[in-house]
Amino acid sequence: MQITTNSPHTASGPSDWFTGTVFIDTIATPSAGTRVSASSVHFTPSARTAWHMHPHGQTIYVTEGVGLCQARGGPINVIRPGDRVFFAPGEEHWHGATRGGFMTHLAMQEVDDEGKSATWLEHVSDEEYSHQPG
């Protein structure tokens, strides 16, 4: 058993991966036989990820606020606390907050053999983001 005490070190989301202001708290990092990576991701209004995909898929679980998610070529979906979204391996997608509020979700995924959990693509344009429901 290993207990890791809570750390007050919240990281800012890198501008290569996000549009807007995003904060990330690490929950789990791959180590000693586990491939699991997990973070609590806090999006300010209108903040969102860039398009990206995961080699082994990704599950997000909304804990606060109202958010949005979209798979490439599909509709933009509204997600709320308690909602779980699974993105299949290699599925290009994005997720983030609505224009009017904050959103926090847990992001859980496995790393590949090289330790990579995601492939980051281009930013979601303001035009793409503007097509959100409501």
C-alpha atoms as a PDB file:
ATOM      1  CA  MET A   1       0.000   0.000   0.000  1.00  0.00           C
ATOM      2  CA  GLN A   2       1.134   3.521  -0.763  1.00  0.00           C
ATOM      3  CA  ILE A   3      -0.535   6.661   0.547  1.00  0.00           C
ATOM      4  CA  THR A   4       0.209   9.893  -1.257  1.00  0.00           C
ATOM      5  CA  THR A   5      -0.748  12.980   0.701  1.00  0.00           C
ATOM      6  CA  ASN A   6      -2.636  15.723  -1.070  1.00  0.00           C
ATOM      7  CA  SER A   7      -0.444  18.310  -2.739  1.00  0.00           C
ATOM      8  CA  PRO A   8      -1.389  21.977  -2.999  1.00  0.00           C
ATOM      9  CA  HIS A   9       0.336  22.165  -6.405  1.00  0.00           C
ATOM     10  CA  THR A  10      -2.332  22.871  -9.007  1.00  0.00           C
ATOM     11  CA  ALA A  11      -0.857  23.170 -12.489  1.00  0.00           C
ATOM     12  CA  SER A  12      -2.024  25.484 -15.238  1.00  0.00           C
ATOM     13  CA  GLY A  13      -3.162  23.672 -18.357  1.00  0.00           C
ATOM     14  CA  PRO A  14      -0.600  24.117 -21.172  1.00  0.00           C
ATOM     15  CA  SER A  15      -1.666  26.486 -23.959  1.00  0.00           C
ATOM     16  CA  ASP A  16      -0.745  23.827 -26.543  1.00  0.00           C
ATOM     17  CA  TRP A  17      -3.491  21.609 -25.103  1.00  0.00           C
ATOM     18  CA  PHE A  18      -6.149  24.130 -24.032  1.00  0.00           C
ATOM     19  CA  THR A  19      -7.930  27.310 -25.083  1.00  0.00           C
ATOM     20  CA  GLY A  20      -8.712  29.532 -22.101  1.00  0.00           C
ATOM     21  CA  THR A  21      -7.757  29.089 -18.480  1.00  0.00           C
ATOM     22  CA  VAL A  22      -7.643  25.523 -17.181  1.00  0.00           C
ATOM     23  CA  PHE A  23      -6.236  24.113 -13.938  1.00  0.00           C
ATOM     24  CA  ILE A  24      -5.137  20.505 -13.409  1.00  0.00           C
ATOM     25  CA  ASP A  25      -4.791  18.528 -10.176  1.00  0.00           C
ATOM     26  CA  THR A  26      -3.036  15.162 -10.569  1.00  0.00           C
ATOM     27  CA  ILE A  27      -4.857  12.204  -9.029  1.00  0.00           C
ATOM     28  CA  ALA A  28      -2.888   9.209 -10.332  1.00  0.00           C
ATOM     29  CA  THR A  29       0.307   8.797 -12.333  1.00  0.00           C
ATOM     30  CA  PRO A  30       1.499   5.611 -14.019  1.00  0.00           C
ATOM     31  CA  SER A  31       4.092   3.754 -11.951  1.00  0.00           C
ATOM     32  CA  ALA A  32       5.209   0.292 -10.876  1.00  0.00           C
ATOM     33  CA  GLY A  33       3.037  -1.818 -13.150  1.00  0.00           C
ATOM     34  CA  THR A  34       0.047   0.463 -13.551  1.00  0.00           C
ATOM     35  CA  ARG A  35      -0.767   2.451 -16.685  1.00  0.00           C
ATOM     36  CA  VAL A  36      -3.510   4.573 -15.119  1.00  0.00           C
ATOM     37  CA  SER A  37      -3.317   8.341 -15.339  1.00  0.00           C
ATOM     38  CA  ALA A  38      -6.028  10.492 -13.776  1.00  0.00           C
ATOM     39  CA  SER A  39      -6.538  14.200 -13.164  1.00  0.00           C
ATOM     40  CA  SER A  40      -9.172  16.590 -11.931  1.00  0.00           C
ATOM     41  CA  VAL A  41      -9.456  19.246 -14.634  1.00  0.00           C
ATOM     42  CA  HIS A  42     -11.037  22.631 -13.846  1.00  0.00           C
ATOM     43  CA  PHE A  43     -12.267  24.676 -16.844  1.00  0.00           C
ATOM     44  CA  THR A  44     -13.166  28.358 -16.587  1.00  0.00           C
ATOM     45  CA  PRO A  45     -16.056  29.637 -18.773  1.00  0.00           C
ATOM     46  CA  SER A  46     -15.385  28.977 -22.507  1.00  0.00           C
ATOM     47  CA  ALA A  47     -12.173  27.039 -21.752  1.00  0.00           C
ATOM     48  CA  ARG A  48     -11.738  23.787 -23.648  1.00  0.00           C
ATOM     49  CA  THR A  49      -9.238  21.196 -24.744  1.00  0.00           C
ATOM     50  CA  ALA A  50      -7.728  21.102 -28.203  1.00  0.00           C
ATOM     51  CA  TRP A  51      -8.776  18.232 -30.437  1.00  0.00           C
ATOM     52  CA  HIS A  52      -6.984  15.131 -29.177  1.00  0.00           C
ATOM     53  CA  MET A  53      -7.140  11.348 -28.911  1.00  0.00           C
ATOM     54  CA  HIS A  54      -5.959   8.661 -26.517  1.00  0.00           C
ATOM     55  CA  PRO A  55      -4.243   5.365 -27.431  1.00  0.00           C
ATOM     56  CA  HIS A  56      -6.361   3.373 -24.952  1.00  0.00           C
ATOM     57  CA  GLY A  57      -9.412   5.643 -24.805  1.00  0.00           C
ATOM     58  CA  GLN A  58     -10.473   8.039 -22.069  1.00  0.00           C
ATOM     59  CA  THR A  59     -13.286   8.307 -19.552  1.00  0.00           C
ATOM     60  CA  ILE A  60     -14.309  11.662 -18.143  1.00  0.00           C
ATOM     61  CA  TYR A  61     -16.647  12.041 -15.162  1.00  0.00           C
ATOM     62  CA  VAL A  62     -18.224  15.453 -14.574  1.00  0.00           C
ATOM     63  CA  THR A  63     -18.108  16.528 -10.922  1.00  0.00           C
ATOM     64  CA  GLU A  64     -19.207  20.190 -11.095  1.00  0.00           C
ATOM     65  CA  GLY A  65     -20.801  22.620 -13.503  1.00  0.00           C
ATOM     66  CA  VAL A  66     -22.041  22.066 -17.035  1.00  0.00           C
ATOM     67  CA  GLY A  67     -19.711  21.112 -19.847  1.00  0.00           C
ATOM     68  CA  LEU A  68     -19.532  20.203 -23.492  1.00  0.00           C
ATOM     69  CA  CYS A  69     -17.932  17.386 -25.434  1.00  0.00           C
ATOM     70  CA  GLN A  70     -17.726  16.409 -29.073  1.00  0.00           C
ATOM     71  CA  ALA A  71     -16.283  13.576 -31.139  1.00  0.00           C
ATOM     72  CA  ARG A  72     -14.940  14.663 -34.530  1.00  0.00           C
ATOM     73  CA  GLY A  73     -17.830  14.827 -37.016  1.00  0.00           C
ATOM     74  CA  GLY A  74     -20.519  14.451 -34.334  1.00  0.00           C
ATOM     75  CA  PRO A  75     -22.776  16.888 -32.475  1.00  0.00           C
ATOM     76  CA  ILE A  76     -21.678  18.912 -29.457  1.00  0.00           C
ATOM     77  CA  ASN A  77     -23.146  17.290 -26.333  1.00  0.00           C
ATOM     78  CA  VAL A  78     -24.006  18.889 -22.995  1.00  0.00           C
ATOM     79  CA  ILE A  79     -22.621  17.045 -19.945  1.00  0.00           C
ATOM     80  CA  ARG A  80     -23.577  17.557 -16.302  1.00  0.00           C
ATOM     81  CA  PRO A  81     -22.460  16.350 -12.845  1.00  0.00           C
ATOM     82  CA  GLY A  82     -22.592  12.571 -12.651  1.00  0.00           C
ATOM     83  CA  ASP A  83     -22.336  12.113 -16.432  1.00  0.00           C
ATOM     84  CA  ARG A  84     -19.622   9.783 -17.723  1.00  0.00           C
ATOM     85  CA  VAL A  85     -18.261   9.970 -21.251  1.00  0.00           C
ATOM     86  CA  PHE A  86     -16.069   7.301 -22.821  1.00  0.00           C
ATOM     87  CA  PHE A  87     -13.995   8.257 -25.854  1.00  0.00           C
ATOM     88  CA  ALA A  88     -12.840   5.170 -27.769  1.00  0.00           C
ATOM     89  CA  PRO A  89      -9.143   4.562 -28.491  1.00  0.00           C
ATOM     90  CA  GLY A  90      -8.034   6.848 -31.318  1.00  0.00           C
ATOM     91  CA  GLU A  91     -11.324   8.820 -31.340  1.00  0.00           C
ATOM     92  CA  GLU A  92     -10.616  12.514 -31.973  1.00  0.00           C
ATOM     93  CA  HIS A  93     -12.560  14.659 -29.521  1.00  0.00           C
ATOM     94  CA  TRP A  94     -12.599  17.714 -27.260  1.00  0.00           C
ATOM     95  CA  HIS A  95     -14.308  18.695 -23.987  1.00  0.00           C
ATOM     96  CA  GLY A  96     -14.627  21.809 -21.887  1.00  0.00           C
ATOM     97  CA  ALA A  97     -16.847  24.384 -20.227  1.00  0.00           C
ATOM     98  CA  THR A  98     -19.840  26.217 -21.606  1.00  0.00           C
ATOM     99  CA  ARG A  99     -19.663  29.953 -22.329  1.00  0.00           C
ATOM    100  CA  GLY A 100     -21.518  30.784 -19.115  1.00  0.00           C
ATOM    101  CA  GLY A 101     -19.969  28.659 -16.397  1.00  0.00           C
ATOM    102  CA  PHE A 102     -17.201  26.617 -14.884  1.00  0.00           C
ATOM    103  CA  MET A 103     -16.911  22.835 -15.293  1.00  0.00           C
ATOM    104  CA  THR A 104     -14.757  20.247 -13.527  1.00  0.00           C
ATOM    105  CA  HIS A 105     -14.287  16.652 -14.572  1.00  0.00           C
ATOM    106  CA  LEU A 106     -12.107  13.715 -13.668  1.00  0.00           C
ATOM    107  CA  ALA A 107     -10.121  12.500 -16.684  1.00  0.00           C
ATOM    108  CA  MET A 108      -8.968   8.874 -16.612  1.00  0.00           C
ATOM    109  CA  GLN A 109      -6.888   7.097 -19.224  1.00  0.00           C
ATOM    110  CA  GLU A 110      -4.053   4.603 -19.660  1.00  0.00           C
ATOM    111  CA  VAL A 111      -0.655   5.390 -21.117  1.00  0.00           C
ATOM    112  CA  ASP A 112       0.833   3.394 -23.992  1.00  0.00           C
ATOM    113  CA  ASP A 113       4.151   1.499 -23.926  1.00  0.00           C
ATOM    114  CA  GLU A 114       6.066   4.780 -24.354  1.00  0.00           C
ATOM    115  CA  GLY A 115       4.214   6.432 -21.455  1.00  0.00           C
ATOM    116  CA  LYS A 116       2.079   8.618 -23.723  1.00  0.00           C
ATOM    117  CA  SER A 117      -1.566   9.184 -22.748  1.00  0.00           C
ATOM    118  CA  ALA A 118      -2.689  11.503 -25.564  1.00  0.00           C
ATOM    119  CA  THR A 119      -1.925  12.829 -29.007  1.00  0.00           C
ATOM    120  CA  TRP A 120      -2.729  16.537 -29.173  1.00  0.00           C
ATOM    121  CA  LEU A 121      -4.020  18.047 -32.403  1.00  0.00           C
ATOM    122  CA  GLU A 122      -5.189  21.516 -33.475  1.00  0.00           C
ATOM    123  CA  HIS A 123      -7.189  23.833 -31.238  1.00  0.00           C
ATOM    124  CA  VAL A 124     -10.976  23.806 -31.426  1.00  0.00           C
ATOM    125  CA  SER A 125     -11.717  26.981 -33.365  1.00  0.00           C
ATOM    126  CA  ASP A 126     -14.064  29.672 -32.071  1.00  0.00           C
ATOM    127  CA  GLU A 127     -16.290  28.820 -35.053  1.00  0.00           C
ATOM    128  CA  GLU A 128     -16.466  25.122 -34.058  1.00  0.00           C
ATOM    129  CA  TYR A 129     -17.061  26.023 -30.402  1.00  0.00           C
ATOM    130  CA  SER A 130     -19.816  28.523 -31.296  1.00  0.00           C
ATOM    131  CA  HIS A 131     -22.069  25.690 -32.513  1.00  0.00           C
ATOM    132  CA  GLN A 132     -22.775  24.523 -28.956  1.00  0.00           C
ATOM    133  CA  PRO A 133     -26.381  23.765 -27.993  1.00  0.00           C
ATOM    134  CA  GLY A 134     -28.410  26.433 -26.246  1.00  0.00           C
END
